[in-house]
């Protein structure tokens, strides 16, 4: 049985793995590219037609924006009304029932300039076989965030819906994997310290 995913390995174990991989000439394979981590949500209150909608989770983006201030969404996790997200669909895709509307997977941190998403937004698939296109309706006045949700087998008729809500995403951090060289140095240094301590204890006993 594998080690629980939530249990952190001691530094010495992680360092040992990194040193071993480095000796095989493949340190990059175990150092994931850095990405920004965001908390996100889309909320439509109860009491409105076809509501409520509560979707939330985490997403990862590129670590720097493009010239227009948008980050590229790389992955999304979470759920919509209790149904788990199974995938972020690639940029340029469209979901069943929403053909011709293609995603761009772009996100910006400040919603004041007309929403955090574009009119293309991003597409998700869910564990129940349904899909969502989350986007910002910049063609509306006022500008509103929207969720086009398509459900099999209808795909484009009820129970498919296109609902307004509030989309928000806030960056919460950047993963910082321990570099292989740093881990090797840390491991070597700890061994030298332990040898020095043993030598000092041996010297004090002999005196």
C-alpha atoms as a PDB file:
ATOM      1  CA  UNK A   1       0.000   0.000   0.000  1.00  0.00           C
ATOM      2  CA  UNK A   2       1.378   3.424  -0.936  1.00  0.00           C
ATOM      3  CA  UNK A   3       2.308   6.181   1.440  1.00  0.00           C
ATOM      4  CA  UNK A   4      -0.619   8.533   2.230  1.00  0.00           C
ATOM      5  CA  UNK A   5      -0.605  11.540  -0.100  1.00  0.00           C
ATOM      6  CA  UNK A   6      -1.012  13.966   2.801  1.00  0.00           C
ATOM      7  CA  UNK A   7       1.990  12.658   4.772  1.00  0.00           C
ATOM      8  CA  UNK A   8       5.137  14.729   4.291  1.00  0.00           C
ATOM      9  CA  UNK A   9       8.422  12.871   3.890  1.00  0.00           C
ATOM     10  CA  UNK A  10      11.358  13.970   6.071  1.00  0.00           C
ATOM     11  CA  UNK A  11      13.847  16.265   4.362  1.00  0.00           C
ATOM     12  CA  UNK A  12      16.549  13.615   4.435  1.00  0.00           C
ATOM     13  CA  UNK A  13      14.349  11.237   2.381  1.00  0.00           C
ATOM     14  CA  UNK A  14      13.469  13.904  -0.187  1.00  0.00           C
ATOM     15  CA  UNK A  15      17.118  14.938  -0.410  1.00  0.00           C
ATOM     16  CA  UNK A  16      18.189  11.343  -0.948  1.00  0.00           C
ATOM     17  CA  UNK A  17      15.740  10.912  -3.820  1.00  0.00           C
ATOM     18  CA  UNK A  18      16.893  14.151  -5.427  1.00  0.00           C
ATOM     19  CA  UNK A  19      20.566  13.192  -5.159  1.00  0.00           C
ATOM     20  CA  UNK A  20      19.870   9.750  -6.635  1.00  0.00           C
ATOM     21  CA  UNK A  21      17.965  11.232  -9.553  1.00  0.00           C
ATOM     22  CA  UNK A  22      20.731  13.765 -10.119  1.00  0.00           C
ATOM     23  CA  UNK A  23      23.285  10.974 -10.322  1.00  0.00           C
ATOM     24  CA  UNK A  24      21.197   9.431 -13.090  1.00  0.00           C
ATOM     25  CA  UNK A  25      21.407  12.670 -15.051  1.00  0.00           C
ATOM     26  CA  UNK A  26      17.677  13.521 -14.844  1.00  0.00           C
ATOM     27  CA  UNK A  27      17.132  16.139 -12.101  1.00  0.00           C
ATOM     28  CA  UNK A  28      14.700  18.107 -14.257  1.00  0.00           C
ATOM     29  CA  UNK A  29      12.250  15.188 -14.356  1.00  0.00           C
ATOM     30  CA  UNK A  30      11.498  15.620 -10.668  1.00  0.00           C
ATOM     31  CA  UNK A  31      11.452  19.428 -10.584  1.00  0.00           C
ATOM     32  CA  UNK A  32       8.058  20.623 -11.831  1.00  0.00           C
ATOM     33  CA  UNK A  33       7.960  24.024 -13.495  1.00  0.00           C
ATOM     34  CA  UNK A  34       6.872  26.745 -11.122  1.00  0.00           C
ATOM     35  CA  UNK A  35       3.276  27.896 -11.418  1.00  0.00           C
ATOM     36  CA  UNK A  36       1.044  30.285  -9.548  1.00  0.00           C
ATOM     37  CA  UNK A  37      -1.627  28.657  -7.375  1.00  0.00           C
ATOM     38  CA  UNK A  38      -5.019  30.384  -7.137  1.00  0.00           C
ATOM     39  CA  UNK A  39      -8.230  29.835  -5.200  1.00  0.00           C
ATOM     40  CA  UNK A  40     -11.243  30.296  -7.466  1.00  0.00           C
ATOM     41  CA  UNK A  41     -15.016  30.283  -7.191  1.00  0.00           C
ATOM     42  CA  UNK A  42     -18.133  30.871  -9.247  1.00  0.00           C
ATOM     43  CA  UNK A  43     -21.256  31.600  -7.226  1.00  0.00           C
ATOM     44  CA  UNK A  44     -24.881  32.107  -8.256  1.00  0.00           C
ATOM     45  CA  UNK A  45     -27.165  32.710  -5.266  1.00  0.00           C
ATOM     46  CA  UNK A  46     -30.155  30.581  -4.357  1.00  0.00           C
ATOM     47  CA  UNK A  47     -33.541  32.030  -5.249  1.00  0.00           C
ATOM     48  CA  UNK A  48     -32.651  32.749  -8.874  1.00  0.00           C
ATOM     49  CA  UNK A  49     -33.920  30.543 -11.721  1.00  0.00           C
ATOM     50  CA  UNK A  50     -31.833  27.377 -12.093  1.00  0.00           C
ATOM     51  CA  UNK A  51     -29.810  28.410  -9.028  1.00  0.00           C
ATOM     52  CA  UNK A  52     -27.875  28.080  -6.891  1.00  0.00           C
ATOM     53  CA  UNK A  53     -24.513  27.361  -8.506  1.00  0.00           C
ATOM     54  CA  UNK A  54     -21.504  26.939  -6.278  1.00  0.00           C
ATOM     55  CA  UNK A  55     -18.244  25.990  -7.935  1.00  0.00           C
ATOM     56  CA  UNK A  56     -14.821  26.352  -6.364  1.00  0.00           C
ATOM     57  CA  UNK A  57     -11.357  24.885  -6.069  1.00  0.00           C
ATOM     58  CA  UNK A  58      -7.764  25.534  -7.028  1.00  0.00           C
ATOM     59  CA  UNK A  59      -6.183  26.377 -10.344  1.00  0.00           C
ATOM     60  CA  UNK A  60      -2.614  26.705 -11.565  1.00  0.00           C
ATOM     61  CA  UNK A  61      -1.391  29.288 -14.048  1.00  0.00           C
ATOM     62  CA  UNK A  62       1.815  30.371 -15.685  1.00  0.00           C
ATOM     63  CA  UNK A  63       4.001  32.326 -13.288  1.00  0.00           C
ATOM     64  CA  UNK A  64       4.017  35.528 -15.352  1.00  0.00           C
ATOM     65  CA  UNK A  65       1.344  37.398 -17.340  1.00  0.00           C
ATOM     66  CA  UNK A  66       1.298  38.212 -21.030  1.00  0.00           C
ATOM     67  CA  UNK A  67       1.452  41.762 -22.386  1.00  0.00           C
ATOM     68  CA  UNK A  68      -2.275  42.229 -21.708  1.00  0.00           C
ATOM     69  CA  UNK A  69      -1.939  41.118 -18.068  1.00  0.00           C
ATOM     70  CA  UNK A  70      -3.431  37.635 -18.491  1.00  0.00           C
ATOM     71  CA  UNK A  71      -1.991  34.426 -17.035  1.00  0.00           C
ATOM     72  CA  UNK A  72      -2.431  31.097 -18.829  1.00  0.00           C
ATOM     73  CA  UNK A  73      -4.495  28.544 -16.889  1.00  0.00           C
ATOM     74  CA  UNK A  74      -2.664  25.198 -16.776  1.00  0.00           C
ATOM     75  CA  UNK A  75      -4.930  23.045 -14.598  1.00  0.00           C
ATOM     76  CA  UNK A  76      -8.123  23.308 -12.530  1.00  0.00           C
ATOM     77  CA  UNK A  77      -9.408  21.195  -9.648  1.00  0.00           C
ATOM     78  CA  UNK A  78     -12.497  21.396  -7.453  1.00  0.00           C
ATOM     79  CA  UNK A  79     -16.204  20.819  -7.929  1.00  0.00           C
ATOM     80  CA  UNK A  80     -19.475  22.352  -9.147  1.00  0.00           C
ATOM     81  CA  UNK A  81     -22.537  21.771  -6.969  1.00  0.00           C
ATOM     82  CA  UNK A  82     -20.746  18.815  -5.403  1.00  0.00           C
ATOM     83  CA  UNK A  83     -19.709  17.183  -8.702  1.00  0.00           C
ATOM     84  CA  UNK A  84     -15.942  16.799  -9.103  1.00  0.00           C
ATOM     85  CA  UNK A  85     -14.033  18.449 -11.939  1.00  0.00           C
ATOM     86  CA  UNK A  86     -12.222  15.837 -14.026  1.00  0.00           C
ATOM     87  CA  UNK A  87     -10.312  18.021 -16.486  1.00  0.00           C
ATOM     88  CA  UNK A  88      -9.503  21.452 -17.819  1.00  0.00           C
ATOM     89  CA  UNK A  89     -10.028  21.225 -21.581  1.00  0.00           C
ATOM     90  CA  UNK A  90      -7.289  22.611 -23.846  1.00  0.00           C
ATOM     91  CA  UNK A  91      -7.384  26.190 -25.076  1.00  0.00           C
ATOM     92  CA  UNK A  92      -9.196  26.367 -28.403  1.00  0.00           C
ATOM     93  CA  UNK A  93     -11.731  23.711 -27.429  1.00  0.00           C
ATOM     94  CA  UNK A  94     -15.513  24.001 -27.259  1.00  0.00           C
ATOM     95  CA  UNK A  95     -17.856  21.914 -25.145  1.00  0.00           C
ATOM     96  CA  UNK A  96     -20.871  19.871 -26.353  1.00  0.00           C
ATOM     97  CA  UNK A  97     -23.872  22.114 -26.862  1.00  0.00           C
ATOM     98  CA  UNK A  98     -21.685  25.202 -27.182  1.00  0.00           C
ATOM     99  CA  UNK A  99     -20.026  24.577 -30.509  1.00  0.00           C
ATOM    100  CA  UNK A 100     -18.267  27.502 -32.126  1.00  0.00           C
ATOM    101  CA  UNK A 101     -17.371  29.135 -28.787  1.00  0.00           C
ATOM    102  CA  UNK A 102     -13.728  28.345 -28.160  1.00  0.00           C
ATOM    103  CA  UNK A 103     -11.859  28.755 -24.881  1.00  0.00           C
ATOM    104  CA  UNK A 104      -8.569  30.597 -24.417  1.00  0.00           C
ATOM    105  CA  UNK A 105      -7.756  29.619 -20.786  1.00  0.00           C
ATOM    106  CA  UNK A 106      -6.722  33.140 -19.784  1.00  0.00           C
ATOM    107  CA  UNK A 107      -7.086  34.758 -16.364  1.00  0.00           C
ATOM    108  CA  UNK A 108      -6.131  38.111 -14.887  1.00  0.00           C
ATOM    109  CA  UNK A 109      -5.975  39.059 -11.195  1.00  0.00           C
ATOM    110  CA  UNK A 110      -7.966  42.314 -11.322  1.00  0.00           C
ATOM    111  CA  UNK A 111     -11.714  42.103 -12.156  1.00  0.00           C
ATOM    112  CA  UNK A 112     -12.175  45.884 -12.261  1.00  0.00           C
ATOM    113  CA  UNK A 113     -11.147  46.135 -15.908  1.00  0.00           C
ATOM    114  CA  UNK A 114     -14.097  44.073 -17.142  1.00  0.00           C
ATOM    115  CA  UNK A 115     -13.838  40.736 -15.343  1.00  0.00           C
ATOM    116  CA  UNK A 116     -11.027  38.295 -14.678  1.00  0.00           C
ATOM    117  CA  UNK A 117     -11.861  36.076 -17.661  1.00  0.00           C
ATOM    118  CA  UNK A 118     -12.309  36.850 -21.348  1.00  0.00           C
ATOM    119  CA  UNK A 119     -15.417  36.248 -23.457  1.00  0.00           C
ATOM    120  CA  UNK A 120     -13.860  32.859 -24.297  1.00  0.00           C
ATOM    121  CA  UNK A 121     -13.058  31.713 -20.752  1.00  0.00           C
ATOM    122  CA  UNK A 122     -12.116  28.140 -19.910  1.00  0.00           C
ATOM    123  CA  UNK A 123     -13.857  24.785 -20.291  1.00  0.00           C
ATOM    124  CA  UNK A 124     -14.250  22.076 -17.656  1.00  0.00           C
ATOM    125  CA  UNK A 125     -15.492  18.501 -17.688  1.00  0.00           C
ATOM    126  CA  UNK A 126     -17.159  16.862 -14.670  1.00  0.00           C
ATOM    127  CA  UNK A 127     -17.488  13.384 -13.217  1.00  0.00           C
ATOM    128  CA  UNK A 128     -21.190  13.148 -14.191  1.00  0.00           C
ATOM    129  CA  UNK A 129     -20.437  13.690 -17.893  1.00  0.00           C
ATOM    130  CA  UNK A 130     -21.452  17.354 -17.957  1.00  0.00           C
ATOM    131  CA  UNK A 131     -19.363  20.356 -19.025  1.00  0.00           C
ATOM    132  CA  UNK A 132     -19.050  24.047 -18.210  1.00  0.00           C
ATOM    133  CA  UNK A 133     -17.691  27.064 -20.043  1.00  0.00           C
ATOM    134  CA  UNK A 134     -16.876  29.780 -17.498  1.00  0.00           C
ATOM    135  CA  UNK A 135     -16.382  33.183 -19.101  1.00  0.00           C
ATOM    136  CA  UNK A 136     -16.972  36.904 -18.678  1.00  0.00           C
ATOM    137  CA  UNK A 137     -19.757  38.451 -20.751  1.00  0.00           C
ATOM    138  CA  UNK A 138     -17.941  41.641 -21.721  1.00  0.00           C
ATOM    139  CA  UNK A 139     -20.640  42.143 -24.388  1.00  0.00           C
ATOM    140  CA  UNK A 140     -23.204  42.684 -21.606  1.00  0.00           C
ATOM    141  CA  UNK A 141     -23.977  45.911 -19.780  1.00  0.00           C
ATOM    142  CA  UNK A 142     -23.103  45.644 -16.986  1.00  0.00           C
ATOM    143  CA  UNK A 143     -20.359  43.102 -17.576  1.00  0.00           C
ATOM    144  CA  UNK A 144     -21.264  39.761 -15.932  1.00  0.00           C
ATOM    145  CA  UNK A 145     -19.537  36.464 -15.310  1.00  0.00           C
ATOM    146  CA  UNK A 146     -21.326  33.462 -16.796  1.00  0.00           C
ATOM    147  CA  UNK A 147     -21.428  29.663 -16.690  1.00  0.00           C
ATOM    148  CA  UNK A 148     -22.683  27.791 -19.744  1.00  0.00           C
ATOM    149  CA  UNK A 149     -23.390  24.310 -18.373  1.00  0.00           C
ATOM    150  CA  UNK A 150     -24.233  21.461 -20.743  1.00  0.00           C
ATOM    151  CA  UNK A 151     -25.682  18.166 -19.531  1.00  0.00           C
ATOM    152  CA  UNK A 152     -26.017  14.914 -21.499  1.00  0.00           C
ATOM    153  CA  UNK A 153     -27.933  13.879 -23.435  1.00  0.00           C
ATOM    154  CA  UNK A 154     -29.573  17.260 -24.181  1.00  0.00           C
ATOM    155  CA  UNK A 155     -26.515  19.391 -24.984  1.00  0.00           C
ATOM    156  CA  UNK A 156     -28.036  22.758 -25.948  1.00  0.00           C
ATOM    157  CA  UNK A 157     -31.548  22.436 -24.536  1.00  0.00           C
ATOM    158  CA  UNK A 158     -32.764  22.198 -20.948  1.00  0.00           C
ATOM    159  CA  UNK A 159     -31.344  21.086 -18.581  1.00  0.00           C
ATOM    160  CA  UNK A 160     -28.484  22.992 -20.242  1.00  0.00           C
ATOM    161  CA  UNK A 161     -28.211  26.481 -18.769  1.00  0.00           C
ATOM    162  CA  UNK A 162     -26.337  29.728 -19.313  1.00  0.00           C
ATOM    163  CA  UNK A 163     -26.344  31.492 -15.958  1.00  0.00           C
ATOM    164  CA  UNK A 164     -24.860  34.664 -14.543  1.00  0.00           C
ATOM    165  CA  UNK A 165     -22.878  34.648 -11.315  1.00  0.00           C
ATOM    166  CA  UNK A 166     -19.707  35.995  -9.762  1.00  0.00           C
ATOM    167  CA  UNK A 167     -16.323  34.524 -10.688  1.00  0.00           C
ATOM    168  CA  UNK A 168     -13.354  35.296  -8.464  1.00  0.00           C
ATOM    169  CA  UNK A 169      -9.795  33.984  -8.389  1.00  0.00           C
ATOM    170  CA  UNK A 170      -7.010  35.043  -6.037  1.00  0.00           C
ATOM    171  CA  UNK A 171      -3.378  33.880  -6.119  1.00  0.00           C
ATOM    172  CA  UNK A 172      -2.304  32.138  -2.919  1.00  0.00           C
ATOM    173  CA  UNK A 173       1.289  31.145  -3.610  1.00  0.00           C
ATOM    174  CA  UNK A 174       4.031  29.720  -5.791  1.00  0.00           C
ATOM    175  CA  UNK A 175       5.305  26.148  -5.334  1.00  0.00           C
ATOM    176  CA  UNK A 176       8.990  26.176  -4.403  1.00  0.00           C
ATOM    177  CA  UNK A 177      10.458  22.678  -4.951  1.00  0.00           C
ATOM    178  CA  UNK A 178      13.803  22.147  -3.258  1.00  0.00           C
ATOM    179  CA  UNK A 179      16.468  22.265  -6.020  1.00  0.00           C
ATOM    180  CA  UNK A 180      18.436  19.065  -6.429  1.00  0.00           C
ATOM    181  CA  UNK A 181      21.757  20.832  -5.835  1.00  0.00           C
ATOM    182  CA  UNK A 182      20.435  22.512  -2.688  1.00  0.00           C
ATOM    183  CA  UNK A 183      19.146  19.199  -1.368  1.00  0.00           C
ATOM    184  CA  UNK A 184      22.490  17.532  -1.984  1.00  0.00           C
ATOM    185  CA  UNK A 185      24.314  20.323  -0.181  1.00  0.00           C
ATOM    186  CA  UNK A 186      21.887  20.160   2.724  1.00  0.00           C
ATOM    187  CA  UNK A 187      22.345  16.416   3.034  1.00  0.00           C
ATOM    188  CA  UNK A 188      26.132  16.644   2.867  1.00  0.00           C
ATOM    189  CA  UNK A 189      26.222  19.472   5.400  1.00  0.00           C
ATOM    190  CA  UNK A 190      24.024  17.572   7.873  1.00  0.00           C
ATOM    191  CA  UNK A 191      26.341  14.560   7.623  1.00  0.00           C
ATOM    192  CA  UNK A 192      29.400  16.733   8.304  1.00  0.00           C
ATOM    193  CA  UNK A 193      27.693  18.278  11.332  1.00  0.00           C
ATOM    194  CA  UNK A 194      26.808  14.836  12.709  1.00  0.00           C
ATOM    195  CA  UNK A 195      30.421  13.607  12.230  1.00  0.00           C
ATOM    196  CA  UNK A 196      31.755  16.740  13.933  1.00  0.00           C
ATOM    197  CA  UNK A 197      29.369  16.285  16.873  1.00  0.00           C
ATOM    198  CA  UNK A 198      30.396  12.641  17.287  1.00  0.00           C
ATOM    199  CA  UNK A 199      34.060  13.608  17.189  1.00  0.00           C
ATOM    200  CA  UNK A 200      33.525  16.270  19.842  1.00  0.00           C
ATOM    201  CA  UNK A 201      31.647  13.849  22.110  1.00  0.00           C
ATOM    202  CA  UNK A 202      34.386  11.232  21.682  1.00  0.00           C
ATOM    203  CA  UNK A 203      37.067  13.809  22.475  1.00  0.00           C
ATOM    204  CA  UNK A 204      35.265  15.021  25.602  1.00  0.00           C
ATOM    205  CA  UNK A 205      34.874  11.427  26.900  1.00  0.00           C
ATOM    206  CA  UNK A 206      38.556  10.632  26.356  1.00  0.00           C
ATOM    207  CA  UNK A 207      39.602  13.766  28.234  1.00  0.00           C
END
